[in-house]
Amino acid sequence: MDEPISNDNDSERAGAGPSLEPDAHGQAAMLLVESLIHGLVARSVISVADAVEFVDVAAEVKEEIGPELGDTPATLQKSLTLLMAISASLRPDLKSEQPS
């Protein structure tokens, strides 16, 4: 491991320009968050409905602030697609949570 561990807050590295490879930090963060959400639901810490709402609110906020943060339309759409995929992965469990 030649490169020191970084959270990419180093302004020199963070502004290095676009990379041709997928963003490893973003991929790891998304996987971690999705795993945490599913784990919290599985342990009944939050309901599936709450989890879906959290993800949907994150998508709404991203849609609002993305342009202000300098997101291109393509980048914004990729972010929204990822969030909607997480929401879609949770929605089938909403039926099993409904009282009979």
PDB file of N, CA and C in Angstrom:
ATOM      1  N   MET A   1       0.847  -1.168   0.000  1.00  0.00           N
ATOM      2  CA  MET A   1       0.000   0.000   0.000  1.00  0.00           C
ATOM      3  C   MET A   1       0.893   1.233   0.000  1.00  0.00           C
ATOM      4  N   ASP A   2       1.129   1.776  -1.177  1.00  0.00           N
ATOM      5  CA  ASP A   2       2.023   2.908  -1.317  1.00  0.00           C
ATOM      6  C   ASP A   2       1.361   4.232  -1.011  1.00  0.00           C
ATOM      7  N   GLU A   3       0.069   4.315  -1.246  1.00  0.00           N
ATOM      8  CA  GLU A   3      -0.646   5.576  -1.081  1.00  0.00           C
ATOM      9  C   GLU A   3      -1.257   5.652   0.319  1.00  0.00           C
ATOM     10  N   PRO A   4      -1.057   6.778   1.011  1.00  0.00           N
ATOM     11  CA  PRO A   4      -1.643   6.900   2.351  1.00  0.00           C
ATOM     12  C   PRO A   4      -3.165   6.942   2.279  1.00  0.00           C
ATOM     13  N   ILE A   5      -3.786   6.508   3.368  1.00  0.00           N
ATOM     14  CA  ILE A   5      -5.240   6.538   3.449  1.00  0.00           C
ATOM     15  C   ILE A   5      -5.699   7.992   3.454  1.00  0.00           C
ATOM     16  N   SER A   6      -6.748   8.270   2.689  1.00  0.00           N
ATOM     17  CA  SER A   6      -7.229   9.643   2.555  1.00  0.00           C
ATOM     18  C   SER A   6      -8.741   9.643   2.463  1.00  0.00           C
ATOM     19  N   ASN A   7      -9.351  10.703   2.955  1.00  0.00           N
ATOM     20  CA  ASN A   7     -10.791  10.870   2.787  1.00  0.00           C
ATOM     21  C   ASN A   7     -11.092  11.835   1.658  1.00  0.00           C
ATOM     22  N   ASP A   8     -10.103  12.145   0.840  1.00  0.00           N
ATOM     23  CA  ASP A   8     -10.201  13.038  -0.313  1.00  0.00           C
ATOM     24  C   ASP A   8     -10.538  14.476   0.055  1.00  0.00           C
ATOM     25  N   ASN A   9     -10.283  14.880   1.282  1.00  0.00           N
ATOM     26  CA  ASN A   9     -10.476  16.270   1.653  1.00  0.00           C
ATOM     27  C   ASN A   9      -9.230  17.097   1.342  1.00  0.00           C
ATOM     28  N   ASP A  10      -8.167  16.454   0.909  1.00  0.00           N
ATOM     29  CA  ASP A  10      -6.948  17.148   0.505  1.00  0.00           C
ATOM     30  C   ASP A  10      -7.250  17.891  -0.787  1.00  0.00           C
ATOM     31  N   SER A  11      -7.192  19.217  -0.749  1.00  0.00           N
ATOM     32  CA  SER A  11      -7.614  20.020  -1.887  1.00  0.00           C
ATOM     33  C   SER A  11      -6.806  19.731  -3.150  1.00  0.00           C
ATOM     34  N   GLU A  12      -5.527  19.360  -3.021  1.00  0.00           N
ATOM     35  CA  GLU A  12      -4.742  19.058  -4.210  1.00  0.00           C
ATOM     36  C   GLU A  12      -5.263  17.811  -4.904  1.00  0.00           C
ATOM     37  N   ARG A  13      -5.548  16.777  -4.137  1.00  0.00           N
ATOM     38  CA  ARG A  13      -6.047  15.531  -4.727  1.00  0.00           C
ATOM     39  C   ARG A  13      -7.492  15.670  -5.150  1.00  0.00           C
ATOM     40  N   ALA A  14      -8.302  16.339  -4.370  1.00  0.00           N
ATOM     41  CA  ALA A  14      -9.733  16.447  -4.679  1.00  0.00           C
ATOM     42  C   ALA A  14      -9.964  17.192  -5.979  1.00  0.00           C
ATOM     43  N   GLY A  15      -9.108  18.130  -6.327  1.00  0.00           N
ATOM     44  CA  GLY A  15      -9.293  18.903  -7.541  1.00  0.00           C
ATOM     45  C   GLY A  15      -8.427  18.412  -8.692  1.00  0.00           C
ATOM     46  N   ALA A  16      -7.990  17.170  -8.635  1.00  0.00           N
ATOM     47  CA  ALA A  16      -7.053  16.644  -9.627  1.00  0.00           C
ATOM     48  C   ALA A  16      -7.673  16.475 -11.007  1.00  0.00           C
ATOM     49  N   GLY A  17      -8.963  16.592 -11.127  1.00  0.00           N
ATOM     50  CA  GLY A  17      -9.601  16.458 -12.432  1.00  0.00           C
ATOM     51  C   GLY A  17     -10.346  15.144 -12.552  1.00  0.00           C
ATOM     52  N   PRO A  18     -11.083  14.992 -13.647  1.00  0.00           N
ATOM     53  CA  PRO A  18     -11.902  13.798 -13.814  1.00  0.00           C
ATOM     54  C   PRO A  18     -11.038  12.559 -14.033  1.00  0.00           C
ATOM     55  N   SER A  19     -11.509  11.449 -13.523  1.00  0.00           N
ATOM     56  CA  SER A  19     -10.826  10.180 -13.670  1.00  0.00           C
ATOM     57  C   SER A  19     -11.601   9.313 -14.641  1.00  0.00           C
ATOM     58  N   LEU A  20     -10.885   8.448 -15.337  1.00  0.00           N
ATOM     59  CA  LEU A  20     -11.535   7.534 -16.263  1.00  0.00           C
ATOM     60  C   LEU A  20     -12.091   6.313 -15.542  1.00  0.00           C
ATOM     61  N   GLU A  21     -11.656   6.097 -14.318  1.00  0.00           N
ATOM     62  CA  GLU A  21     -12.123   4.961 -13.532  1.00  0.00           C
ATOM     63  C   GLU A  21     -13.306   5.375 -12.668  1.00  0.00           C
ATOM     64  N   PRO A  22     -14.147   4.394 -12.295  1.00  0.00           N
ATOM     65  CA  PRO A  22     -15.240   4.711 -11.360  1.00  0.00           C
ATOM     66  C   PRO A  22     -14.674   5.223 -10.038  1.00  0.00           C
ATOM     67  N   ASP A  23     -15.467   6.006  -9.337  1.00  0.00           N
ATOM     68  CA  ASP A  23     -15.060   6.591  -8.064  1.00  0.00           C
ATOM     69  C   ASP A  23     -15.134   5.536  -6.965  1.00  0.00           C
ATOM     70  N   ALA A  24     -13.975   5.043  -6.553  1.00  0.00           N
ATOM     71  CA  ALA A  24     -13.922   3.983  -5.544  1.00  0.00           C
ATOM     72  C   ALA A  24     -14.503   4.440  -4.209  1.00  0.00           C
ATOM     73  N   HIS A  25     -14.260   5.709  -3.828  1.00  0.00           N
ATOM     74  CA  HIS A  25     -14.788   6.229  -2.566  1.00  0.00           C
ATOM     75  C   HIS A  25     -16.318   6.259  -2.612  1.00  0.00           C
ATOM     76  N   GLY A  26     -16.856   6.764  -3.701  1.00  0.00           N
ATOM     77  CA  GLY A  26     -18.307   6.841  -3.844  1.00  0.00           C
ATOM     78  C   GLY A  26     -18.950   5.470  -3.873  1.00  0.00           C
ATOM     79  N   GLN A  27     -18.332   4.531  -4.576  1.00  0.00           N
ATOM     80  CA  GLN A  27     -18.881   3.181  -4.636  1.00  0.00           C
ATOM     81  C   GLN A  27     -18.897   2.541  -3.257  1.00  0.00           C
ATOM     82  N   ALA A  28     -17.802   2.686  -2.523  1.00  0.00           N
ATOM     83  CA  ALA A  28     -17.731   2.113  -1.177  1.00  0.00           C
ATOM     84  C   ALA A  28     -18.762   2.770  -0.255  1.00  0.00           C
ATOM     85  N   ALA A  29     -18.909   4.088  -0.368  1.00  0.00           N
ATOM     86  CA  ALA A  29     -19.873   4.801   0.474  1.00  0.00           C
ATOM     87  C   ALA A  29     -21.300   4.356   0.173  1.00  0.00           C
ATOM     88  N   MET A  30     -21.640   4.234  -1.104  1.00  0.00           N
ATOM     89  CA  MET A  30     -22.992   3.811  -1.468  1.00  0.00           C
ATOM     90  C   MET A  30     -23.269   2.391  -0.976  1.00  0.00           C
ATOM     91  N   LEU A  31     -22.301   1.491  -1.137  1.00  0.00           N
ATOM     92  CA  LEU A  31     -22.487   0.117  -0.674  1.00  0.00           C
ATOM     93  C   LEU A  31     -22.663   0.078   0.840  1.00  0.00           C
ATOM     94  N   LEU A  32     -21.852   0.853   1.545  1.00  0.00           N
ATOM     95  CA  LEU A  32     -21.952   0.903   2.999  1.00  0.00           C
ATOM     96  C   LEU A  32     -23.309   1.436   3.437  1.00  0.00           C
ATOM     97  N   VAL A  33     -23.756   2.524   2.848  1.00  0.00           N
ATOM     98  CA  VAL A  33     -25.040   3.118   3.232  1.00  0.00           C
ATOM     99  C   VAL A  33     -26.196   2.164   2.932  1.00  0.00           C
ATOM    100  N   GLU A  34     -26.176   1.563   1.748  1.00  0.00           N
ATOM    101  CA  GLU A  34     -27.257   0.626   1.420  1.00  0.00           C
ATOM    102  C   GLU A  34     -27.252  -0.565   2.376  1.00  0.00           C
ATOM    103  N   SER A  35     -26.075  -1.072   2.704  1.00  0.00           N
ATOM    104  CA  SER A  35     -25.972  -2.187   3.656  1.00  0.00           C
ATOM    105  C   SER A  35     -26.490  -1.780   5.033  1.00  0.00           C
ATOM    106  N   LEU A  36     -26.142  -0.574   5.461  1.00  0.00           N
ATOM    107  CA  LEU A  36     -26.619  -0.089   6.758  1.00  0.00           C
ATOM    108  C   LEU A  36     -28.142   0.030   6.784  1.00  0.00           C
ATOM    109  N   ILE A  37     -28.703   0.567   5.722  1.00  0.00           N
ATOM    110  CA  ILE A  37     -30.160   0.718   5.654  1.00  0.00           C
ATOM    111  C   ILE A  37     -30.833  -0.647   5.744  1.00  0.00           C
ATOM    112  N   HIS A  38     -30.360  -1.597   4.929  1.00  0.00           N
ATOM    113  CA  HIS A  38     -30.959  -2.935   4.961  1.00  0.00           C
ATOM    114  C   HIS A  38     -30.757  -3.601   6.328  1.00  0.00           C
ATOM    115  N   GLY A  39     -29.591  -3.382   6.939  1.00  0.00           N
ATOM    116  CA  GLY A  39     -29.332  -3.945   8.262  1.00  0.00           C
ATOM    117  C   GLY A  39     -30.232  -3.348   9.332  1.00  0.00           C
ATOM    118  N   LEU A  40     -30.456  -2.043   9.278  1.00  0.00           N
ATOM    119  CA  LEU A  40     -31.349  -1.403  10.250  1.00  0.00           C
ATOM    120  C   LEU A  40     -32.787  -1.894  10.100  1.00  0.00           C
ATOM    121  N   VAL A  41     -33.198  -2.099   8.860  1.00  0.00           N
ATOM    122  CA  VAL A  41     -34.543  -2.639   8.617  1.00  0.00           C
ATOM    123  C   VAL A  41     -34.625  -4.070   9.137  1.00  0.00           C
ATOM    124  N   ALA A  42     -33.623  -4.893   8.841  1.00  0.00           N
ATOM    125  CA  ALA A  42     -33.624  -6.298   9.264  1.00  0.00           C
ATOM    126  C   ALA A  42     -33.651  -6.430  10.787  1.00  0.00           C
ATOM    127  N   ARG A  43     -33.059  -5.469  11.476  1.00  0.00           N
ATOM    128  CA  ARG A  43     -33.035  -5.503  12.943  1.00  0.00           C
ATOM    129  C   ARG A  43     -34.205  -4.734  13.558  1.00  0.00           C
ATOM    130  N   SER A  44     -35.117  -4.297  12.722  1.00  0.00           N
ATOM    131  CA  SER A  44     -36.311  -3.558  13.150  1.00  0.00           C
ATOM    132  C   SER A  44     -35.976  -2.267  13.880  1.00  0.00           C
ATOM    133  N   VAL A  45     -34.847  -1.657  13.550  1.00  0.00           N
ATOM    134  CA  VAL A  45     -34.487  -0.361  14.117  1.00  0.00           C
ATOM    135  C   VAL A  45     -35.294   0.731  13.421  1.00  0.00           C
ATOM    136  N   ILE A  46     -35.453   0.585  12.111  1.00  0.00           N
ATOM    137  CA  ILE A  46     -36.318   1.467  11.329  1.00  0.00           C
ATOM    138  C   ILE A  46     -37.236   0.588  10.484  1.00  0.00           C
ATOM    139  N   SER A  47     -38.355   1.150  10.096  1.00  0.00           N
ATOM    140  CA  SER A  47     -39.283   0.404   9.248  1.00  0.00           C
ATOM    141  C   SER A  47     -38.850   0.528   7.784  1.00  0.00           C
ATOM    142  N   VAL A  48     -39.368  -0.365   6.970  1.00  0.00           N
ATOM    143  CA  VAL A  48     -39.093  -0.284   5.539  1.00  0.00           C
ATOM    144  C   VAL A  48     -39.627   1.038   4.996  1.00  0.00           C
ATOM    145  N   ALA A  49     -40.804   1.443   5.461  1.00  0.00           N
ATOM    146  CA  ALA A  49     -41.392   2.706   5.005  1.00  0.00           C
ATOM    147  C   ALA A  49     -40.476   3.882   5.344  1.00  0.00           C
ATOM    148  N   ASP A  50     -39.896   3.867   6.541  1.00  0.00           N
ATOM    149  CA  ASP A  50     -38.951   4.924   6.916  1.00  0.00           C
ATOM    150  C   ASP A  50     -37.726   4.895   6.012  1.00  0.00           C
ATOM    151  N   ALA A  51     -37.198   3.711   5.751  1.00  0.00           N
ATOM    152  CA  ALA A  51     -36.010   3.575   4.913  1.00  0.00           C
ATOM    153  C   ALA A  51     -36.275   4.115   3.503  1.00  0.00           C
ATOM    154  N   VAL A  52     -37.424   3.753   2.940  1.00  0.00           N
ATOM    155  CA  VAL A  52     -37.787   4.240   1.612  1.00  0.00           C
ATOM    156  C   VAL A  52     -37.911   5.763   1.634  1.00  0.00           C
ATOM    157  N   GLU A  53     -38.518   6.281   2.680  1.00  0.00           N
ATOM    158  CA  GLU A  53     -38.672   7.734   2.798  1.00  0.00           C
ATOM    159  C   GLU A  53     -37.313   8.425   2.881  1.00  0.00           C
ATOM    160  N   PHE A  54     -36.385   7.877   3.664  1.00  0.00           N
ATOM    161  CA  PHE A  54     -35.053   8.478   3.790  1.00  0.00           C
ATOM    162  C   PHE A  54     -34.363   8.552   2.433  1.00  0.00           C
ATOM    163  N   VAL A  55     -34.435   7.471   1.679  1.00  0.00           N
ATOM    164  CA  VAL A  55     -33.774   7.433   0.373  1.00  0.00           C
ATOM    165  C   VAL A  55     -34.462   8.395  -0.597  1.00  0.00           C
ATOM    166  N   ASP A  56     -35.790   8.416  -0.568  1.00  0.00           N
ATOM    167  CA  ASP A  56     -36.525   9.310  -1.462  1.00  0.00           C
ATOM    168  C   ASP A  56     -36.241  10.781  -1.144  1.00  0.00           C
ATOM    169  N   VAL A  57     -36.136  11.108   0.133  1.00  0.00           N
ATOM    170  CA  VAL A  57     -35.797  12.484   0.527  1.00  0.00           C
ATOM    171  C   VAL A  57     -34.387  12.824   0.061  1.00  0.00           C
ATOM    172  N   ALA A  58     -33.451  11.875   0.185  1.00  0.00           N
ATOM    173  CA  ALA A  58     -32.084  12.122  -0.289  1.00  0.00           C
ATOM    174  C   ALA A  58     -32.091  12.419  -1.787  1.00  0.00           C
ATOM    175  N   ALA A  59     -32.908  11.694  -2.543  1.00  0.00           N
ATOM    176  CA  ALA A  59     -33.004  11.935  -3.991  1.00  0.00           C
ATOM    177  C   ALA A  59     -33.585  13.318  -4.274  1.00  0.00           C
ATOM    178  N   GLU A  60     -34.604  13.706  -3.517  1.00  0.00           N
ATOM    179  CA  GLU A  60     -35.203  15.029  -3.708  1.00  0.00           C
ATOM    180  C   GLU A  60     -34.190  16.135  -3.412  1.00  0.00           C
ATOM    181  N   VAL A  61     -33.432  15.957  -2.337  1.00  0.00           N
ATOM    182  CA  VAL A  61     -32.424  16.958  -1.965  1.00  0.00           C
ATOM    183  C   VAL A  61     -31.334  17.012  -3.030  1.00  0.00           C
ATOM    184  N   LYS A  62     -30.891  15.855  -3.497  1.00  0.00           N
ATOM    185  CA  LYS A  62     -29.858  15.815  -4.532  1.00  0.00           C
ATOM    186  C   LYS A  62     -30.334  16.535  -5.788  1.00  0.00           C
ATOM    187  N   GLU A  63     -31.588  16.324  -6.141  1.00  0.00           N
ATOM    188  CA  GLU A  63     -32.147  16.970  -7.329  1.00  0.00           C
ATOM    189  C   GLU A  63     -32.156  18.491  -7.164  1.00  0.00           C
ATOM    190  N   GLU A  64     -32.447  18.956  -5.947  1.00  0.00           N
ATOM    191  CA  GLU A  64     -32.488  20.392  -5.678  1.00  0.00           C
ATOM    192  C   GLU A  64     -31.105  21.026  -5.654  1.00  0.00           C
ATOM    193  N   ILE A  65     -30.156  20.380  -4.976  1.00  0.00           N
ATOM    194  CA  ILE A  65     -28.856  21.019  -4.764  1.00  0.00           C
ATOM    195  C   ILE A  65     -27.790  20.602  -5.763  1.00  0.00           C
ATOM    196  N   GLY A  66     -28.033  19.561  -6.544  1.00  0.00           N
ATOM    197  CA  GLY A  66     -27.038  19.098  -7.507  1.00  0.00           C
ATOM    198  C   GLY A  66     -26.517  20.199  -8.412  1.00  0.00           C
ATOM    199  N   PRO A  67     -27.423  20.952  -9.047  1.00  0.00           N
ATOM    200  CA  PRO A  67     -26.943  22.031  -9.921  1.00  0.00           C
ATOM    201  C   PRO A  67     -26.134  23.098  -9.160  1.00  0.00           C
ATOM    202  N   GLU A  68     -26.531  23.384  -7.933  1.00  0.00           N
ATOM    203  CA  GLU A  68     -25.797  24.361  -7.124  1.00  0.00           C
ATOM    204  C   GLU A  68     -24.390  23.871  -6.794  1.00  0.00           C
ATOM    205  N   LEU A  69     -24.239  22.541  -6.699  1.00  0.00           N
ATOM    206  CA  LEU A  69     -22.937  21.960  -6.389  1.00  0.00           C
ATOM    207  C   LEU A  69     -22.073  21.794  -7.634  1.00  0.00           C
ATOM    208  N   GLY A  70     -22.637  22.130  -8.790  1.00  0.00           N
ATOM    209  CA  GLY A  70     -21.884  22.038 -10.025  1.00  0.00           C
ATOM    210  C   GLY A  70     -22.031  20.721 -10.759  1.00  0.00           C
ATOM    211  N   ASP A  71     -23.005  19.900 -10.361  1.00  0.00           N
ATOM    212  CA  ASP A  71     -23.230  18.637 -11.061  1.00  0.00           C
ATOM    213  C   ASP A  71     -23.658  18.899 -12.496  1.00  0.00           C
ATOM    214  N   THR A  72     -23.101  18.148 -13.411  1.00  0.00           N
ATOM    215  CA  THR A  72     -23.593  18.187 -14.781  1.00  0.00           C
ATOM    216  C   THR A  72     -24.915  17.423 -14.807  1.00  0.00           C
ATOM    217  N   PRO A  73     -25.739  17.623 -15.812  1.00  0.00           N
ATOM    218  CA  PRO A  73     -26.981  16.844 -15.897  1.00  0.00           C
ATOM    219  C   PRO A  73     -26.721  15.332 -15.883  1.00  0.00           C
ATOM    220  N   ALA A  74     -25.655  14.891 -16.523  1.00  0.00           N
ATOM    221  CA  ALA A  74     -25.341  13.452 -16.552  1.00  0.00           C
ATOM    222  C   ALA A  74     -24.965  12.945 -15.160  1.00  0.00           C
ATOM    223  N   THR A  75     -24.168  13.712 -14.440  1.00  0.00           N
ATOM    224  CA  THR A  75     -23.772  13.319 -13.083  1.00  0.00           C
ATOM    225  C   THR A  75     -24.969  13.308 -12.160  1.00  0.00           C
ATOM    226  N   LEU A  76     -25.804  14.315 -12.260  1.00  0.00           N
ATOM    227  CA  LEU A  76     -27.011  14.375 -11.442  1.00  0.00           C
ATOM    228  C   LEU A  76     -27.895  13.167 -11.713  1.00  0.00           C
ATOM    229  N   GLN A  77     -28.056  12.823 -12.975  1.00  0.00           N
ATOM    230  CA  GLN A  77     -28.905  11.685 -13.329  1.00  0.00           C
ATOM    231  C   GLN A  77     -28.322  10.378 -12.797  1.00  0.00           C
ATOM    232  N   LYS A  78     -27.000  10.224 -12.852  1.00  0.00           N
ATOM    233  CA  LYS A  78     -26.371   9.017 -12.305  1.00  0.00           C
ATOM    234  C   LYS A  78     -26.631   8.907 -10.805  1.00  0.00           C
ATOM    235  N   SER A  79     -26.491  10.021 -10.096  1.00  0.00           N
ATOM    236  CA  SER A  79     -26.742  10.014  -8.647  1.00  0.00           C
ATOM    237  C   SER A  79     -28.185   9.639  -8.348  1.00  0.00           C
ATOM    238  N   LEU A  80     -29.104  10.235  -9.079  1.00  0.00           N
ATOM    239  CA  LEU A  80     -30.524   9.947  -8.864  1.00  0.00           C
ATOM    240  C   LEU A  80     -30.846   8.498  -9.204  1.00  0.00           C
ATOM    241  N   THR A  81     -30.235   7.967 -10.240  1.00  0.00           N
ATOM    242  CA  THR A  81     -30.458   6.569 -10.618  1.00  0.00           C
ATOM    243  C   THR A  81     -29.993   5.628  -9.509  1.00  0.00           C
ATOM    244  N   LEU A  82     -28.840   5.923  -8.906  1.00  0.00           N
ATOM    245  CA  LEU A  82     -28.344   5.098  -7.806  1.00  0.00           C
ATOM    246  C   LEU A  82     -29.288   5.143  -6.608  1.00  0.00           C
ATOM    247  N   LEU A  83     -29.751   6.328  -6.264  1.00  0.00           N
ATOM    248  CA  LEU A  83     -30.673   6.458  -5.134  1.00  0.00           C
ATOM    249  C   LEU A  83     -32.002   5.752  -5.414  1.00  0.00           C
ATOM    250  N   MET A  84     -32.482   5.868  -6.629  1.00  0.00           N
ATOM    251  CA  MET A  84     -33.740   5.197  -6.984  1.00  0.00           C
ATOM    252  C   MET A  84     -33.577   3.675  -6.978  1.00  0.00           C
ATOM    253  N   ALA A  85     -32.393   3.192  -7.314  1.00  0.00           N
ATOM    254  CA  ALA A  85     -32.141   1.751  -7.260  1.00  0.00           C
ATOM    255  C   ALA A  85     -32.196   1.248  -5.815  1.00  0.00           C
ATOM    256  N   ILE A  86     -31.657   2.032  -4.900  1.00  0.00           N
ATOM    257  CA  ILE A  86     -31.734   1.650  -3.480  1.00  0.00           C
ATOM    258  C   ILE A  86     -33.186   1.657  -3.027  1.00  0.00           C
ATOM    259  N   SER A  87     -33.920   2.690  -3.389  1.00  0.00           N
ATOM    260  CA  SER A  87     -35.337   2.769  -3.035  1.00  0.00           C
ATOM    261  C   SER A  87     -36.090   1.572  -3.604  1.00  0.00           C
ATOM    262  N   ALA A  88     -35.820   1.241  -4.849  1.00  0.00           N
ATOM    263  CA  ALA A  88     -36.495   0.105  -5.492  1.00  0.00           C
ATOM    264  C   ALA A  88     -36.143  -1.213  -4.814  1.00  0.00           C
ATOM    265  N   SER A  89     -34.922  -1.324  -4.280  1.00  0.00           N
ATOM    266  CA  SER A  89     -34.534  -2.566  -3.602  1.00  0.00           C
ATOM    267  C   SER A  89     -35.273  -2.745  -2.284  1.00  0.00           C
ATOM    268  N   LEU A  90     -35.761  -1.653  -1.727  1.00  0.00           N
ATOM    269  CA  LEU A  90     -36.491  -1.705  -0.455  1.00  0.00           C
ATOM    270  C   LEU A  90     -38.003  -1.879  -0.649  1.00  0.00           C
ATOM    271  N   ARG A  91     -38.547  -1.333  -1.709  1.00  0.00           N
ATOM    272  CA  ARG A  91     -39.995  -1.287  -1.910  1.00  0.00           C
ATOM    273  C   ARG A  91     -40.704  -2.641  -1.867  1.00  0.00           C
ATOM    274  N   PRO A  92     -40.119  -3.719  -2.403  1.00  0.00           N
ATOM    275  CA  PRO A  92     -40.840  -5.006  -2.312  1.00  0.00           C
ATOM    276  C   PRO A  92     -41.142  -5.421  -0.875  1.00  0.00           C
ATOM    277  N   ASP A  93     -40.305  -4.994   0.063  1.00  0.00           N
ATOM    278  CA  ASP A  93     -40.527  -5.348   1.469  1.00  0.00           C
ATOM    279  C   ASP A  93     -41.624  -4.525   2.126  1.00  0.00           C
ATOM    280  N   LEU A  94     -42.077  -3.463   1.460  1.00  0.00           N
ATOM    281  CA  LEU A  94     -43.179  -2.664   2.021  1.00  0.00           C
ATOM    282  C   LEU A  94     -44.443  -3.500   2.153  1.00  0.00           C
ATOM    283  N   LYS A  95     -44.688  -4.401   1.201  1.00  0.00           N
ATOM    284  CA  LYS A  95     -45.895  -5.239   1.226  1.00  0.00           C
ATOM    285  C   LYS A  95     -45.889  -6.172   2.429  1.00  0.00           C
ATOM    286  N   SER A  96     -44.707  -6.728   2.748  1.00  0.00           N
ATOM    287  CA  SER A  96     -44.646  -7.640   3.885  1.00  0.00           C
ATOM    288  C   SER A  96     -44.751  -6.911   5.217  1.00  0.00           C
ATOM    289  N   GLU A  97     -44.535  -5.590   5.194  1.00  0.00           N
ATOM    290  CA  GLU A  97     -44.622  -4.800   6.422  1.00  0.00           C
ATOM    291  C   GLU A  97     -46.055  -4.349   6.697  1.00  0.00           C
ATOM    292  N   GLN A  98     -46.895  -4.344   5.674  1.00  0.00           N
ATOM    293  CA  GLN A  98     -48.286  -3.879   5.817  1.00  0.00           C
ATOM    294  C   GLN A  98     -49.078  -4.850   6.696  1.00  0.00           C
ATOM    295  N   PRO A  99     -49.916  -4.327   7.602  1.00  0.00           N
ATOM    296  CA  PRO A  99     -50.763  -5.214   8.421  1.00  0.00           C
ATOM    297  C   PRO A  99     -51.771  -5.917   7.524  1.00  0.00           C
ATOM    298  N   SER A 100     -52.030  -7.188   7.824  1.00  0.00           N
ATOM    299  CA  SER A 100     -52.983  -7.964   7.014  1.00  0.00           C
ATOM    300  C   SER A 100     -54.401  -7.680   7.378  1.00  0.00           C
TER     301      SER A 100
END
